[in-house]
Amino acid sequence: MPEKKMKKRKVFQIAAPEANAVYLAGDFNGWKPDVRPLKEGRNGIWKTTLTLPPGIYEYRFVVDGEWCDDPRCDEKAPNSLGSENCLLHL
């Protein structure tokens, strides 16, 4: 019987105290900039949690319509738009 790969929970968060809306976009949701909203918590910290199978994922935040990097992510990869995507290893 093949080994079943366990999905892992990952909390994504960004400090954006002045933002009106924050979304998470990545290769896990077709890079759609408006389908995964984050919820604003204390001190302007926006969060969401995804459960994903093991792998390497690329993602970015969309803060009030502007694509933004995750300041807590140290590893990035160039994208086709001339900027970079953040990398997540699960």
N, C-alpha and C. Protein backbone atom coordinates (compact mmCIF):
# COMPACT_ATOMS: atom_id res chain seq x y z
N MET A 1 0.85 -1.18 0.00
CA MET A 1 0.00 0.00 0.00
C MET A 1 0.89 1.25 0.00
N PRO A 2 0.70 2.20 -0.93
CA PRO A 2 1.55 3.39 -0.98
C PRO A 2 1.35 4.25 0.26
N GLU A 3 2.43 4.90 0.64
CA GLU A 3 2.37 5.79 1.80
C GLU A 3 1.55 7.03 1.46
N LYS A 4 0.63 7.37 2.34
CA LYS A 4 -0.23 8.53 2.13
C LYS A 4 0.49 9.78 2.63
N LYS A 5 0.58 10.80 1.79
CA LYS A 5 1.23 12.04 2.18
C LYS A 5 0.27 12.88 3.00
N MET A 6 0.70 13.25 4.17
CA MET A 6 -0.14 14.02 5.07
C MET A 6 -0.11 15.49 4.69
N LYS A 7 -1.28 16.09 4.67
CA LYS A 7 -1.35 17.52 4.42
C LYS A 7 -0.89 18.27 5.67
N LYS A 8 -0.36 19.46 5.45
CA LYS A 8 0.14 20.26 6.55
C LYS A 8 -0.57 21.61 6.58
N ARG A 9 -0.80 22.09 7.79
CA ARG A 9 -1.41 23.41 7.97
C ARG A 9 -0.31 24.47 7.97
N LYS A 10 -0.58 25.56 7.28
CA LYS A 10 0.36 26.68 7.22
C LYS A 10 -0.42 27.97 7.47
N VAL A 11 0.05 28.74 8.44
CA VAL A 11 -0.54 30.05 8.71
C VAL A 11 0.24 31.09 7.91
N PHE A 12 -0.47 31.85 7.11
CA PHE A 12 0.11 32.98 6.38
C PHE A 12 -0.33 34.24 7.10
N GLN A 13 0.61 35.16 7.32
CA GLN A 13 0.25 36.41 7.97
C GLN A 13 1.13 37.54 7.49
N ILE A 14 0.56 38.74 7.56
CA ILE A 14 1.29 39.94 7.15
C ILE A 14 0.78 41.11 7.99
N ALA A 15 1.69 41.97 8.39
CA ALA A 15 1.31 43.18 9.11
C ALA A 15 0.94 44.25 8.08
N ALA A 16 -0.30 44.68 8.12
CA ALA A 16 -0.78 45.72 7.20
C ALA A 16 -1.87 46.52 7.92
N PRO A 17 -1.47 47.29 8.95
CA PRO A 17 -2.47 47.97 9.79
C PRO A 17 -3.33 48.99 9.06
N GLU A 18 -2.86 49.53 7.95
CA GLU A 18 -3.63 50.53 7.21
C GLU A 18 -4.49 49.93 6.11
N ALA A 19 -4.37 48.61 5.89
CA ALA A 19 -5.06 47.97 4.76
C ALA A 19 -6.56 47.84 5.00
N ASN A 20 -7.29 47.87 3.90
CA ASN A 20 -8.73 47.62 3.93
C ASN A 20 -9.05 46.17 3.58
N ALA A 21 -8.20 45.55 2.76
CA ALA A 21 -8.41 44.16 2.34
C ALA A 21 -7.07 43.53 2.00
N VAL A 22 -6.87 42.28 2.43
CA VAL A 22 -5.65 41.54 2.14
C VAL A 22 -6.05 40.15 1.67
N TYR A 23 -5.42 39.69 0.58
CA TYR A 23 -5.68 38.37 0.02
C TYR A 23 -4.37 37.62 -0.15
N LEU A 24 -4.48 36.30 -0.26
CA LEU A 24 -3.34 35.44 -0.52
C LEU A 24 -3.55 34.81 -1.90
N ALA A 25 -2.55 34.93 -2.75
CA ALA A 25 -2.61 34.32 -4.09
C ALA A 25 -1.34 33.50 -4.30
N GLY A 26 -1.50 32.37 -4.99
CA GLY A 26 -0.34 31.54 -5.25
C GLY A 26 -0.67 30.43 -6.23
N ASP A 27 0.33 29.59 -6.47
CA ASP A 27 0.10 28.50 -7.41
C ASP A 27 -0.90 27.48 -6.86
N PHE A 28 -1.20 27.54 -5.56
CA PHE A 28 -2.19 26.65 -4.96
C PHE A 28 -3.63 27.10 -5.21
N ASN A 29 -3.84 28.32 -5.71
CA ASN A 29 -5.21 28.78 -6.03
C ASN A 29 -5.29 29.48 -7.39
N GLY A 30 -4.39 29.10 -8.29
CA GLY A 30 -4.42 29.64 -9.64
C GLY A 30 -4.05 31.10 -9.73
N TRP A 31 -3.36 31.62 -8.72
CA TRP A 31 -2.92 33.03 -8.67
C TRP A 31 -4.10 34.00 -8.73
N LYS A 32 -5.25 33.58 -8.29
CA LYS A 32 -6.41 34.47 -8.27
C LYS A 32 -6.27 35.44 -7.09
N PRO A 33 -6.24 36.74 -7.37
CA PRO A 33 -5.92 37.72 -6.33
C PRO A 33 -7.08 38.07 -5.41
N ASP A 34 -8.23 37.41 -5.56
CA ASP A 34 -9.37 37.82 -4.74
C ASP A 34 -10.19 36.65 -4.22
N VAL A 35 -9.59 35.45 -4.12
CA VAL A 35 -10.37 34.30 -3.67
C VAL A 35 -10.01 33.84 -2.25
N ARG A 36 -8.87 34.24 -1.74
CA ARG A 36 -8.46 33.80 -0.39
C ARG A 36 -8.21 35.02 0.50
N PRO A 37 -9.28 35.56 1.11
CA PRO A 37 -9.09 36.73 1.97
C PRO A 37 -8.44 36.35 3.30
N LEU A 38 -7.67 37.27 3.84
CA LEU A 38 -7.13 37.13 5.17
C LEU A 38 -8.03 37.90 6.13
N LYS A 39 -8.05 37.48 7.38
CA LYS A 39 -8.85 38.17 8.39
C LYS A 39 -7.95 39.05 9.23
N GLU A 40 -8.42 40.27 9.47
CA GLU A 40 -7.63 41.22 10.26
C GLU A 40 -7.77 40.88 11.74
N GLY A 41 -6.64 40.79 12.39
CA GLY A 41 -6.60 40.51 13.82
C GLY A 41 -6.04 41.70 14.58
N ARG A 42 -5.50 41.42 15.73
CA ARG A 42 -4.93 42.46 16.58
C ARG A 42 -3.73 43.13 15.93
N ASN A 43 -3.59 44.40 16.19
CA ASN A 43 -2.43 45.19 15.76
C ASN A 43 -2.24 45.19 14.24
N GLY A 44 -3.31 45.03 13.48
CA GLY A 44 -3.21 45.09 12.02
C GLY A 44 -2.54 43.90 11.39
N ILE A 45 -2.51 42.76 12.11
CA ILE A 45 -1.94 41.53 11.55
C ILE A 45 -3.06 40.75 10.87
N TRP A 46 -2.89 40.51 9.58
CA TRP A 46 -3.87 39.78 8.78
C TRP A 46 -3.41 38.33 8.66
N LYS A 47 -4.36 37.36 8.82
CA LYS A 47 -3.98 35.94 8.81
C LYS A 47 -5.00 35.09 8.05
N THR A 48 -4.48 33.99 7.52
CA THR A 48 -5.31 32.90 7.00
C THR A 48 -4.51 31.62 7.14
N THR A 49 -5.21 30.50 7.15
CA THR A 49 -4.56 29.19 7.26
C THR A 49 -4.98 28.32 6.09
N LEU A 50 -3.99 27.68 5.48
CA LEU A 50 -4.26 26.71 4.41
C LEU A 50 -3.77 25.33 4.84
N THR A 51 -4.41 24.31 4.34
CA THR A 51 -3.95 22.94 4.53
C THR A 51 -3.56 22.41 3.16
N LEU A 52 -2.26 22.11 3.01
CA LEU A 52 -1.71 21.75 1.70
C LEU A 52 -0.90 20.46 1.79
N PRO A 53 -0.85 19.70 0.70
CA PRO A 53 0.03 18.53 0.68
C PRO A 53 1.50 18.99 0.64
N PRO A 54 2.42 18.12 1.04
CA PRO A 54 3.84 18.48 0.99
C PRO A 54 4.25 18.90 -0.42
N GLY A 55 5.13 19.87 -0.49
CA GLY A 55 5.61 20.35 -1.78
C GLY A 55 6.22 21.73 -1.64
N ILE A 56 6.54 22.33 -2.78
CA ILE A 56 7.08 23.69 -2.83
C ILE A 56 6.04 24.56 -3.51
N TYR A 57 5.69 25.65 -2.88
CA TYR A 57 4.65 26.53 -3.38
C TYR A 57 5.19 27.95 -3.55
N GLU A 58 4.66 28.66 -4.53
CA GLU A 58 4.97 30.07 -4.73
C GLU A 58 3.72 30.87 -4.41
N TYR A 59 3.92 32.04 -3.75
CA TYR A 59 2.78 32.84 -3.34
C TYR A 59 3.18 34.31 -3.17
N ARG A 60 2.16 35.16 -3.08
CA ARG A 60 2.32 36.58 -2.75
C ARG A 60 1.03 37.05 -2.08
N PHE A 61 1.13 38.15 -1.37
CA PHE A 61 -0.04 38.79 -0.79
C PHE A 61 -0.53 39.88 -1.74
N VAL A 62 -1.82 40.17 -1.67
CA VAL A 62 -2.40 41.29 -2.41
C VAL A 62 -3.05 42.19 -1.36
N VAL A 63 -2.42 43.35 -1.15
CA VAL A 63 -2.86 44.30 -0.13
C VAL A 63 -3.49 45.50 -0.82
N ASP A 64 -4.78 45.66 -0.64
CA ASP A 64 -5.53 46.75 -1.29
C ASP A 64 -5.23 46.82 -2.79
N GLY A 65 -5.19 45.65 -3.43
CA GLY A 65 -4.99 45.58 -4.87
C GLY A 65 -3.55 45.58 -5.33
N GLU A 66 -2.59 45.77 -4.41
CA GLU A 66 -1.17 45.79 -4.77
C GLU A 66 -0.52 44.47 -4.37
N TRP A 67 0.22 43.86 -5.31
CA TRP A 67 0.93 42.61 -5.03
C TRP A 67 2.11 42.93 -4.12
N CYS A 68 2.27 42.14 -3.05
CA CYS A 68 3.32 42.39 -2.04
C CYS A 68 4.01 41.08 -1.66
N ASP A 69 5.28 41.20 -1.32
CA ASP A 69 6.03 40.06 -0.81
C ASP A 69 5.68 39.81 0.65
N ASP A 70 5.94 38.60 1.09
CA ASP A 70 5.84 38.24 2.50
C ASP A 70 7.15 38.66 3.16
N PRO A 71 7.14 39.66 4.04
CA PRO A 71 8.40 40.11 4.65
C PRO A 71 9.04 39.05 5.52
N ARG A 72 8.31 38.01 5.89
CA ARG A 72 8.86 36.95 6.73
C ARG A 72 9.46 35.81 5.91
N CYS A 73 9.38 35.91 4.58
CA CYS A 73 9.90 34.87 3.70
C CYS A 73 11.28 35.26 3.18
N ASP A 74 12.26 34.39 3.41
CA ASP A 74 13.63 34.67 2.98
C ASP A 74 13.96 34.11 1.61
N GLU A 75 13.16 33.17 1.13
CA GLU A 75 13.47 32.52 -0.15
C GLU A 75 12.48 32.95 -1.21
N LYS A 76 13.01 33.40 -2.34
CA LYS A 76 12.15 33.88 -3.42
C LYS A 76 12.63 33.30 -4.75
N ALA A 77 11.71 33.32 -5.72
CA ALA A 77 12.03 32.85 -7.07
C ALA A 77 11.52 33.88 -8.07
N PRO A 78 12.28 34.14 -9.14
CA PRO A 78 11.81 35.10 -10.14
C PRO A 78 10.53 34.62 -10.81
N ASN A 79 9.68 35.57 -11.18
CA ASN A 79 8.46 35.21 -11.91
C ASN A 79 8.48 35.83 -13.29
N SER A 80 7.48 35.53 -14.10
CA SER A 80 7.44 35.99 -15.49
C SER A 80 7.09 37.46 -15.62
N LEU A 81 6.76 38.12 -14.51
CA LEU A 81 6.39 39.54 -14.55
C LEU A 81 7.55 40.46 -14.19
N GLY A 82 8.74 39.88 -13.98
CA GLY A 82 9.91 40.69 -13.67
C GLY A 82 10.07 40.97 -12.18
N SER A 83 9.24 40.38 -11.35
CA SER A 83 9.40 40.52 -9.91
C SER A 83 9.67 39.13 -9.33
N GLU A 84 9.41 38.93 -8.06
CA GLU A 84 9.69 37.65 -7.43
C GLU A 84 8.48 37.15 -6.66
N ASN A 85 8.39 35.84 -6.55
CA ASN A 85 7.39 35.18 -5.73
C ASN A 85 8.06 34.63 -4.49
N CYS A 86 7.35 34.56 -3.41
CA CYS A 86 7.84 33.95 -2.18
C CYS A 86 7.70 32.44 -2.31
N LEU A 87 8.65 31.70 -1.72
CA LEU A 87 8.64 30.24 -1.78
C LEU A 87 8.30 29.66 -0.41
N LEU A 88 7.46 28.64 -0.42
CA LEU A 88 7.10 27.92 0.80
C LEU A 88 7.43 26.46 0.58
N HIS A 89 8.20 25.88 1.50
CA HIS A 89 8.52 24.45 1.47
C HIS A 89 7.74 23.76 2.58
N LEU A 90 6.88 22.83 2.20
CA LEU A 90 6.12 22.04 3.18
C LEU A 90 6.54 20.59 3.12
